[in-house]
Amino acid sequence: MSWLAGYLENVDQLPPFSQRSWAEFLNASANGKMESEFALLTLSDHEQRELYEAAKIIQTAFRKYKGRRLKEQQEVAAAVIQRCYRKYKQYALYKKMTQAAILIQSKFRSYYEQKKFQQSRRAAVLIQQYYRSYKEYEKLKPGHRAAAAMQQKIKGTFLTKKQDQAARKIMRFLRRCRH
C-alpha cells in the first residue's frame, strides 16, 4: 500500500478546488474523454493487490459499522418485546387471580346461603312439631284420655328425639361424602 500512501500524501498538494476545475471535470465526463483516459490507465499486479486489500478493509469497516447499527436496533427491539411480554404475563396473572377470587367468593356465598337455609328449615320443622304436639295436647286435655295422651306425647317426644338423632347422623355422613 506504499503507492496508495504516496498518492494520499500528494492529494494535499493538489490545486484548490474551483468552479473552473469543476466545470472541466463535468465536461470531460460528458464528452467521454475521461472514460477513455481511465481505460488507458493500467496498474501493476502489486498495485492491484494493494488496491484490492484497501477496498476489502474499507468494505469490512463499512459492514461492521452497518452491522453495529443493526445490532443496536435489534437490541432495542428485543428490549421492547421483553418489556411487553413481562407486562402481558403480569396482566394474565392478575386476571387469573381475580377470577380465582371471584370463584372463591361465589362458592363461599353459596355455602353461607345454604347453611342459612338449612338452619331456617330446621327451625320451621321444630316449630311445626311443637305446634302439632300442642294441638294434640289441647284436644286431649278436656277428656279422660289425658293419661293416654300424656303417654303418647312422651312416646312421641322420644320418637322425635330418635328421629332427630338419626337425621343428624345421616346429614353428617352426606356432608363428609360430598367434600
Protein backbone atom coordinates (compact mmCIF):
# COMPACT_ATOMS: atom_id res chain seq x y z
CA MET A 1 0.00 0.00 0.00
CA SER A 2 3.02 2.22 -0.33
CA TRP A 3 1.86 3.74 -3.64
CA LEU A 4 -1.55 4.50 -2.06
CA ALA A 5 0.09 6.20 0.89
CA GLY A 6 2.25 8.15 -1.52
CA TYR A 7 -0.80 9.17 -3.52
CA LEU A 8 -2.66 10.28 -0.42
CA GLU A 9 0.33 12.41 0.58
CA ASN A 10 0.22 14.06 -2.84
CA VAL A 11 -3.52 14.75 -2.57
CA ASP A 12 -2.81 17.54 -0.10
CA GLN A 13 -0.63 19.19 -2.75
CA LEU A 14 -3.41 19.29 -5.38
CA PRO A 15 -4.54 22.71 -6.54
CA PRO A 16 -7.54 24.14 -4.67
CA PHE A 17 -10.99 23.30 -5.94
CA SER A 18 -12.55 25.95 -8.21
CA GLN A 19 -15.59 26.37 -10.41
CA ARG A 20 -13.44 26.15 -13.49
CA SER A 21 -11.96 22.77 -12.44
CA TRP A 22 -15.46 21.50 -11.60
CA ALA A 23 -16.83 22.55 -14.98
CA GLU A 24 -13.86 20.95 -16.68
CA PHE A 25 -14.49 17.71 -14.80
CA LEU A 26 -18.16 17.68 -15.78
CA ASN A 27 -17.39 18.43 -19.44
CA ALA A 28 -14.75 15.74 -19.53
CA SER A 29 -17.13 13.13 -18.18
CA ALA A 30 -19.87 14.27 -20.61
CA ASN A 31 -17.56 14.01 -23.64
CA GLY A 32 -16.36 10.57 -22.74
CA LYS A 33 -12.81 11.93 -22.60
CA MET A 34 -12.38 10.84 -19.02
CA GLU A 35 -13.54 7.29 -19.69
CA SER A 36 -11.06 6.86 -22.47
CA GLU A 37 -8.25 8.10 -20.25
CA PHE A 38 -9.33 5.75 -17.45
CA ALA A 39 -9.31 2.87 -19.92
CA LEU A 40 -5.67 3.63 -20.71
CA LEU A 41 -4.79 3.57 -17.01
CA THR A 42 -3.12 0.30 -16.03
CA LEU A 43 -1.95 -0.89 -12.67
CA SER A 44 0.75 -3.41 -11.88
CA ASP A 45 -0.17 -6.66 -10.10
CA HIS A 46 1.28 -5.35 -6.86
CA GLU A 47 -0.74 -2.11 -7.14
CA GLN A 48 -3.92 -4.03 -7.97
CA ARG A 49 -3.38 -6.29 -4.94
CA GLU A 50 -2.86 -3.26 -2.67
CA LEU A 51 -5.97 -1.60 -4.11
CA TYR A 52 -7.94 -4.81 -3.59
CA GLU A 53 -6.75 -5.10 0.04
CA ALA A 54 -7.62 -1.44 0.69
CA ALA A 55 -11.10 -1.99 -0.78
CA LYS A 56 -11.55 -5.07 1.44
CA ILE A 57 -10.58 -3.08 4.55
CA ILE A 58 -12.98 -0.29 3.65
CA GLN A 59 -15.80 -2.76 2.94
CA THR A 60 -15.14 -4.61 6.20
CA ALA A 61 -15.20 -1.37 8.18
CA PHE A 62 -18.43 -0.31 6.48
CA ARG A 63 -20.09 -3.67 7.13
CA LYS A 64 -19.04 -3.53 10.79
CA TYR A 65 -20.46 -0.03 11.08
CA LYS A 66 -23.71 -1.06 9.40
CA GLY A 67 -23.86 -4.30 11.43
CA ARG A 68 -23.32 -2.38 14.67
CA ARG A 69 -26.28 -0.12 13.89
CA LEU A 70 -28.42 -3.13 13.01
CA LYS A 71 -27.38 -4.91 16.20
CA GLU A 72 -28.25 -1.84 18.28
CA GLN A 73 -31.66 -1.66 16.62
CA GLN A 74 -32.22 -5.36 17.27
CA GLU A 75 -31.27 -4.96 20.94
CA VAL A 76 -33.71 -2.08 21.33
CA ALA A 77 -36.44 -4.10 19.62
CA ALA A 78 -35.70 -7.12 21.84
CA ALA A 79 -35.92 -4.94 24.96
CA VAL A 80 -39.31 -3.60 23.84
CA ILE A 81 -40.60 -7.11 23.14
CA GLN A 82 -39.37 -8.37 26.52
CA ARG A 83 -40.96 -5.45 28.36
CA CYS A 84 -44.29 -6.02 26.60
CA TYR A 85 -44.17 -9.75 27.36
CA ARG A 86 -43.47 -9.10 31.04
CA LYS A 87 -46.43 -6.72 31.20
CA TYR A 88 -48.61 -9.32 29.49
CA LYS A 89 -47.55 -12.00 31.98
CA GLN A 90 -48.37 -9.68 34.89
CA TYR A 91 -51.76 -8.89 33.37
CA ALA A 92 -52.52 -12.59 32.77
CA LEU A 93 -51.56 -13.43 36.37
CA TYR A 94 -53.69 -10.55 37.70
CA LYS A 95 -56.66 -11.70 35.61
CA LYS A 96 -56.26 -15.31 36.75
CA MET A 97 -56.05 -14.31 40.42
CA THR A 98 -59.09 -12.05 40.04
CA GLN A 99 -61.09 -14.89 38.53
CA ALA A 100 -59.97 -17.20 41.36
CA ALA A 101 -61.03 -14.63 43.97
CA ILE A 102 -64.43 -14.24 42.30
CA LEU A 103 -64.90 -18.01 42.24
CA ILE A 104 -63.95 -18.35 45.92
CA GLN A 105 -66.32 -15.54 46.90
CA SER A 106 -69.13 -17.08 44.88
CA LYS A 107 -68.63 -20.52 46.43
CA PHE A 108 -68.47 -19.04 49.93
CA ARG A 109 -71.68 -17.04 49.40
CA SER A 110 -73.43 -20.15 48.08
CA TYR A 111 -72.24 -22.22 51.06
CA TYR A 112 -73.28 -19.50 53.52
CA GLU A 113 -76.77 -19.18 51.98
CA GLN A 114 -77.21 -22.95 52.00
CA LYS A 115 -76.28 -23.09 55.69
CA LYS A 116 -78.73 -20.29 56.45
CA PHE A 117 -81.48 -22.07 54.54
CA GLN A 118 -80.85 -25.38 56.33
CA GLN A 119 -80.93 -23.62 59.68
CA SER A 120 -84.26 -21.93 58.86
CA ARG A 121 -85.68 -25.22 57.58
CA ARG A 122 -84.75 -26.98 60.82
CA ALA A 123 -86.31 -24.18 62.82
CA ALA A 124 -89.52 -24.41 60.74
CA VAL A 125 -89.69 -28.18 61.25
CA LEU A 126 -89.23 -27.77 65.02
CA ILE A 127 -91.91 -25.09 65.19
CA GLN A 128 -94.29 -27.33 63.23
CA GLN A 129 -93.57 -30.27 65.56
CA TYR A 130 -94.19 -28.20 68.67
CA TYR A 131 -97.37 -26.74 67.20
CA ARG A 132 -98.74 -30.20 66.28
CA SER A 133 -97.96 -31.61 69.70
CA TYR A 134 -99.57 -28.53 71.30
CA LYS A 135 -102.73 -29.09 69.20
CA GLU A 136 -102.84 -32.74 70.27
CA TYR A 137 -102.40 -31.74 73.87
CA GLU A 138 -105.25 -29.25 73.58
CA LYS A 139 -107.53 -31.93 72.06
CA LEU A 140 -106.81 -34.45 74.78
CA LYS A 141 -106.83 -32.02 77.70
CA PRO A 142 -110.58 -31.84 78.45
CA GLY A 143 -111.34 -35.57 78.32
CA HIS A 144 -110.47 -38.64 80.32
CA ARG A 145 -107.83 -39.63 77.84
CA ALA A 146 -105.37 -37.24 79.42
CA ALA A 147 -103.18 -40.01 80.79
CA ALA A 148 -103.15 -41.86 77.48
CA ALA A 149 -102.35 -38.65 75.66
CA MET A 150 -99.52 -37.91 78.04
CA GLN A 151 -98.04 -41.34 77.45
CA GLN A 152 -98.38 -40.90 73.73
CA LYS A 153 -96.80 -37.46 73.94
CA ILE A 154 -93.87 -38.83 75.93
CA LYS A 155 -93.58 -41.66 73.46
CA GLY A 156 -93.83 -39.18 70.52
CA THR A 157 -91.16 -36.96 72.03
CA PHE A 158 -88.91 -39.96 72.45
CA LEU A 159 -89.51 -40.96 68.83
CA THR A 160 -88.84 -37.45 67.58
CA LYS A 161 -85.57 -37.32 69.54
CA LYS A 162 -84.50 -40.61 67.98
CA GLN A 163 -85.58 -39.42 64.55
CA ASP A 164 -83.71 -36.15 65.07
CA GLN A 165 -80.55 -38.02 66.05
CA ALA A 166 -80.85 -40.32 63.04
CA ALA A 167 -81.37 -37.35 60.73
CA ARG A 168 -78.27 -35.64 62.15
CA LYS A 169 -76.18 -38.78 61.60
CA ILE A 170 -77.40 -39.05 58.00
CA MET A 171 -76.66 -35.36 57.34
CA ARG A 172 -73.13 -35.68 58.79
CA PHE A 173 -72.49 -38.71 56.60
CA LEU A 174 -73.75 -36.91 53.50
CA ARG A 175 -71.58 -33.82 54.22
CA ARG A 176 -68.48 -35.99 54.57
CA CYS A 177 -69.24 -37.79 51.33
CA ARG A 178 -69.78 -34.52 49.43
CA HIS A 179 -66.48 -32.91 50.48
